[in-house]
Amino acid sequence: MDPKIQNIIDSVLDKIMDSQSGMSVLSLGLVQKVRYNETEKKLIVFLNPMGKSKTCCSALNMTILADLEKKMESDFARAFSGFAISFANAQ
């Protein structure tokens, strides 16, 4: 990937903070990779699974992750105007 594009992606992820830990999405490692396709104007964000935890914790993790996804979608849409932003679980 072009280093300029990678820097933009890293910058977006570094500015999005998890309210519970106070750490950035980049620091937490919640994003395994981002696939950038200039031709199709698509950005696919591959999220790391939160792992196995108790049911109550899983529900909380899903809520927190959903909030972070909304923020990532909004911030990536600003950084990559006209691109479709989607999310997938990293496997």
N, C-alpha and C. Protein backbone atom coordinates (compact mmCIF):
# COMPACT_ATOMS: atom_id res chain seq x y z
N MET A 1 0.84 -1.17 0.00
CA MET A 1 0.00 0.00 0.00
C MET A 1 0.89 1.24 0.00
N ASP A 2 0.44 2.25 -0.70
CA ASP A 2 1.15 3.53 -0.76
C ASP A 2 1.33 4.06 0.67
N PRO A 3 2.56 4.43 1.05
CA PRO A 3 2.80 4.94 2.40
C PRO A 3 1.93 6.15 2.78
N LYS A 4 1.60 6.98 1.81
CA LYS A 4 0.74 8.14 2.09
C LYS A 4 -0.65 7.68 2.53
N ILE A 5 -1.19 6.69 1.85
CA ILE A 5 -2.51 6.13 2.20
C ILE A 5 -2.43 5.46 3.57
N GLN A 6 -1.37 4.68 3.80
CA GLN A 6 -1.19 4.01 5.09
C GLN A 6 -1.12 5.02 6.23
N ASN A 7 -0.45 6.13 6.01
CA ASN A 7 -0.36 7.18 7.04
C ASN A 7 -1.72 7.79 7.35
N ILE A 8 -2.55 7.97 6.32
CA ILE A 8 -3.90 8.50 6.54
C ILE A 8 -4.72 7.51 7.35
N ILE A 9 -4.65 6.24 6.99
CA ILE A 9 -5.38 5.19 7.72
C ILE A 9 -4.93 5.15 9.18
N ASP A 10 -3.62 5.12 9.39
CA ASP A 10 -3.09 5.09 10.76
C ASP A 10 -3.50 6.31 11.56
N SER A 11 -3.51 7.46 10.91
CA SER A 11 -3.89 8.71 11.57
C SER A 11 -5.36 8.66 12.03
N VAL A 12 -6.23 8.15 11.16
CA VAL A 12 -7.65 8.02 11.52
C VAL A 12 -7.79 7.09 12.71
N LEU A 13 -7.15 5.92 12.67
CA LEU A 13 -7.27 4.94 13.74
C LEU A 13 -6.64 5.43 15.04
N ASP A 14 -5.63 6.26 14.94
CA ASP A 14 -4.96 6.77 16.14
C ASP A 14 -5.77 7.85 16.85
N LYS A 15 -6.68 8.49 16.13
CA LYS A 15 -7.50 9.56 16.73
C LYS A 15 -8.79 9.04 17.36
N ILE A 16 -9.18 7.82 17.05
CA ILE A 16 -10.42 7.25 17.60
C ILE A 16 -10.09 6.56 18.91
N MET A 17 -10.69 7.07 19.99
CA MET A 17 -10.36 6.59 21.33
C MET A 17 -11.46 5.71 21.91
N ASP A 18 -11.05 4.65 22.55
CA ASP A 18 -11.96 3.79 23.30
C ASP A 18 -12.25 4.49 24.62
N SER A 19 -13.52 4.71 24.92
CA SER A 19 -13.88 5.45 26.12
C SER A 19 -13.56 4.70 27.40
N GLN A 20 -13.51 3.39 27.34
CA GLN A 20 -13.23 2.59 28.54
C GLN A 20 -11.75 2.62 28.92
N SER A 21 -10.88 2.44 27.95
CA SER A 21 -9.45 2.35 28.25
C SER A 21 -8.71 3.66 28.03
N GLY A 22 -9.30 4.55 27.23
CA GLY A 22 -8.62 5.80 26.90
C GLY A 22 -7.54 5.62 25.84
N MET A 23 -7.48 4.43 25.25
CA MET A 23 -6.48 4.13 24.24
C MET A 23 -7.09 4.25 22.85
N SER A 24 -6.23 4.49 21.87
CA SER A 24 -6.71 4.60 20.49
C SER A 24 -7.00 3.21 19.93
N VAL A 25 -7.85 3.19 18.90
CA VAL A 25 -8.16 1.94 18.19
C VAL A 25 -6.87 1.34 17.64
N LEU A 26 -5.97 2.20 17.18
CA LEU A 26 -4.69 1.73 16.65
C LEU A 26 -3.88 1.03 17.74
N SER A 27 -3.79 1.64 18.91
CA SER A 27 -3.02 1.07 20.02
C SER A 27 -3.63 -0.23 20.54
N LEU A 28 -4.95 -0.31 20.53
CA LEU A 28 -5.63 -1.50 21.03
C LEU A 28 -5.52 -2.69 20.08
N GLY A 29 -5.18 -2.42 18.83
CA GLY A 29 -5.07 -3.50 17.85
C GLY A 29 -6.41 -4.09 17.44
N LEU A 30 -7.47 -3.26 17.51
CA LEU A 30 -8.80 -3.74 17.13
C LEU A 30 -8.95 -3.93 15.62
N VAL A 31 -8.09 -3.28 14.86
CA VAL A 31 -8.12 -3.40 13.41
C VAL A 31 -6.91 -4.22 12.96
N GLN A 32 -7.20 -5.35 12.32
CA GLN A 32 -6.09 -6.19 11.86
C GLN A 32 -5.48 -5.64 10.58
N LYS A 33 -6.35 -5.21 9.66
CA LYS A 33 -5.87 -4.64 8.41
C LYS A 33 -6.98 -3.82 7.77
N VAL A 34 -6.59 -3.01 6.81
CA VAL A 34 -7.54 -2.23 6.02
C VAL A 34 -7.19 -2.46 4.57
N ARG A 35 -8.18 -2.87 3.79
CA ARG A 35 -7.99 -3.08 2.36
C ARG A 35 -8.49 -1.83 1.64
N TYR A 36 -7.61 -1.23 0.84
CA TYR A 36 -7.89 0.01 0.12
C TYR A 36 -7.94 -0.29 -1.36
N ASN A 37 -9.04 0.08 -2.02
CA ASN A 37 -9.16 -0.15 -3.46
C ASN A 37 -9.55 1.17 -4.12
N GLU A 38 -8.58 1.82 -4.72
CA GLU A 38 -8.78 3.12 -5.37
C GLU A 38 -9.74 3.01 -6.54
N THR A 39 -9.59 1.96 -7.35
CA THR A 39 -10.41 1.79 -8.55
C THR A 39 -11.89 1.67 -8.21
N GLU A 40 -12.21 0.84 -7.22
CA GLU A 40 -13.61 0.63 -6.84
C GLU A 40 -14.09 1.60 -5.76
N LYS A 41 -13.17 2.45 -5.29
CA LYS A 41 -13.48 3.41 -4.22
C LYS A 41 -14.10 2.70 -3.02
N LYS A 42 -13.36 1.69 -2.52
CA LYS A 42 -13.80 0.90 -1.37
C LYS A 42 -12.71 0.84 -0.32
N LEU A 43 -13.15 0.83 0.91
CA LEU A 43 -12.26 0.65 2.05
C LEU A 43 -12.91 -0.43 2.92
N ILE A 44 -12.21 -1.54 3.14
CA ILE A 44 -12.73 -2.60 3.98
C ILE A 44 -11.85 -2.69 5.22
N VAL A 45 -12.48 -2.56 6.38
CA VAL A 45 -11.78 -2.58 7.66
C VAL A 45 -11.99 -3.96 8.28
N PHE A 46 -10.91 -4.68 8.50
CA PHE A 46 -10.97 -6.02 9.10
C PHE A 46 -10.70 -5.90 10.59
N LEU A 47 -11.73 -6.21 11.39
CA LEU A 47 -11.64 -6.08 12.84
C LEU A 47 -11.19 -7.39 13.47
N ASN A 48 -10.36 -7.27 14.50
CA ASN A 48 -9.96 -8.44 15.27
C ASN A 48 -11.12 -8.88 16.14
N PRO A 49 -11.37 -10.17 16.23
CA PRO A 49 -12.43 -10.64 17.13
C PRO A 49 -12.07 -10.27 18.56
N MET A 50 -13.07 -10.05 19.38
CA MET A 50 -12.84 -9.64 20.76
C MET A 50 -12.46 -10.83 21.64
N GLY A 51 -12.49 -12.03 21.10
CA GLY A 51 -12.14 -13.20 21.88
C GLY A 51 -13.32 -13.74 22.64
N LYS A 52 -13.11 -14.84 23.31
CA LYS A 52 -14.17 -15.47 24.06
C LYS A 52 -14.21 -14.87 25.46
N SER A 53 -15.40 -14.55 25.90
CA SER A 53 -15.57 -14.01 27.24
C SER A 53 -16.94 -14.38 27.75
N LYS A 54 -17.22 -14.03 28.99
CA LYS A 54 -18.52 -14.31 29.57
C LYS A 54 -19.59 -13.58 28.79
N THR A 55 -20.81 -14.08 28.83
CA THR A 55 -21.91 -13.52 28.06
C THR A 55 -22.10 -12.03 28.33
N CYS A 56 -22.07 -11.63 29.61
CA CYS A 56 -22.27 -10.22 29.92
C CYS A 56 -21.16 -9.37 29.32
N CYS A 57 -19.94 -9.87 29.38
CA CYS A 57 -18.80 -9.13 28.82
C CYS A 57 -18.88 -9.08 27.30
N SER A 58 -19.32 -10.17 26.68
CA SER A 58 -19.46 -10.19 25.23
C SER A 58 -20.45 -9.14 24.75
N ALA A 59 -21.57 -9.02 25.47
CA ALA A 59 -22.59 -8.03 25.10
C ALA A 59 -22.02 -6.63 25.21
N LEU A 60 -21.27 -6.37 26.28
CA LEU A 60 -20.65 -5.06 26.47
C LEU A 60 -19.62 -4.80 25.38
N ASN A 61 -18.80 -5.81 25.08
CA ASN A 61 -17.79 -5.66 24.02
C ASN A 61 -18.44 -5.35 22.68
N MET A 62 -19.55 -6.02 22.38
CA MET A 62 -20.24 -5.79 21.11
C MET A 62 -20.78 -4.36 21.04
N THR A 63 -21.29 -3.85 22.15
CA THR A 63 -21.80 -2.48 22.20
C THR A 63 -20.68 -1.47 21.99
N ILE A 64 -19.58 -1.68 22.68
CA ILE A 64 -18.42 -0.79 22.54
C ILE A 64 -17.89 -0.84 21.11
N LEU A 65 -17.76 -2.04 20.56
CA LEU A 65 -17.25 -2.19 19.20
C LEU A 65 -18.18 -1.52 18.19
N ALA A 66 -19.50 -1.63 18.40
CA ALA A 66 -20.45 -0.99 17.49
C ALA A 66 -20.26 0.52 17.50
N ASP A 67 -20.03 1.10 18.67
CA ASP A 67 -19.79 2.55 18.77
C ASP A 67 -18.49 2.93 18.05
N LEU A 68 -17.46 2.12 18.24
CA LEU A 68 -16.18 2.39 17.58
C LEU A 68 -16.31 2.25 16.06
N GLU A 69 -17.10 1.28 15.59
CA GLU A 69 -17.32 1.12 14.15
C GLU A 69 -17.98 2.36 13.56
N LYS A 70 -18.98 2.89 14.25
CA LYS A 70 -19.65 4.11 13.77
C LYS A 70 -18.66 5.25 13.64
N LYS A 71 -17.81 5.40 14.65
CA LYS A 71 -16.82 6.47 14.63
C LYS A 71 -15.80 6.23 13.50
N MET A 72 -15.36 4.99 13.33
CA MET A 72 -14.42 4.68 12.25
C MET A 72 -15.05 4.96 10.89
N GLU A 73 -16.30 4.55 10.72
CA GLU A 73 -16.99 4.77 9.44
C GLU A 73 -17.07 6.26 9.13
N SER A 74 -17.44 7.04 10.12
CA SER A 74 -17.55 8.49 9.94
C SER A 74 -16.20 9.13 9.61
N ASP A 75 -15.19 8.77 10.38
CA ASP A 75 -13.86 9.37 10.18
C ASP A 75 -13.20 8.92 8.89
N PHE A 76 -13.38 7.65 8.52
CA PHE A 76 -12.83 7.18 7.25
C PHE A 76 -13.57 7.84 6.07
N ALA A 77 -14.88 8.04 6.22
CA ALA A 77 -15.65 8.69 5.15
C ALA A 77 -15.15 10.13 4.93
N ARG A 78 -14.77 10.80 5.99
CA ARG A 78 -14.20 12.15 5.84
C ARG A 78 -12.82 12.11 5.18
N ALA A 79 -12.01 11.14 5.60
CA ALA A 79 -10.64 11.04 5.08
C ALA A 79 -10.61 10.54 3.64
N PHE A 80 -11.59 9.69 3.29
CA PHE A 80 -11.64 9.09 1.95
C PHE A 80 -13.00 9.40 1.34
N SER A 81 -13.19 10.64 1.01
CA SER A 81 -14.46 11.12 0.47
C SER A 81 -14.87 10.33 -0.77
N GLY A 82 -16.12 9.87 -0.80
CA GLY A 82 -16.64 9.14 -1.95
C GLY A 82 -16.39 7.64 -1.90
N PHE A 83 -15.68 7.18 -0.89
CA PHE A 83 -15.40 5.75 -0.76
C PHE A 83 -16.51 5.07 0.03
N ALA A 84 -16.81 3.82 -0.32
CA ALA A 84 -17.70 2.98 0.46
C ALA A 84 -16.85 2.35 1.57
N ILE A 85 -17.33 2.46 2.80
CA ILE A 85 -16.62 1.91 3.95
C ILE A 85 -17.39 0.70 4.46
N SER A 86 -16.71 -0.44 4.61
CA SER A 86 -17.38 -1.62 5.16
C SER A 86 -16.46 -2.31 6.17
N PHE A 87 -17.07 -3.17 6.96
CA PHE A 87 -16.34 -3.86 8.02
C PHE A 87 -16.50 -5.36 7.85
N ALA A 88 -15.47 -6.09 8.24
CA ALA A 88 -15.50 -7.56 8.22
C ALA A 88 -14.70 -8.05 9.41
N ASN A 89 -15.06 -9.23 9.88
CA ASN A 89 -14.28 -9.84 10.96
C ASN A 89 -13.04 -10.46 10.38
N ALA A 90 -11.92 -10.19 11.01
CA ALA A 90 -10.66 -10.81 10.59
C ALA A 90 -10.67 -12.26 11.08
N GLN A 91 -10.24 -13.15 10.26
CA GLN A 91 -10.23 -14.57 10.64
C GLN A 91 -8.87 -15.13 10.48
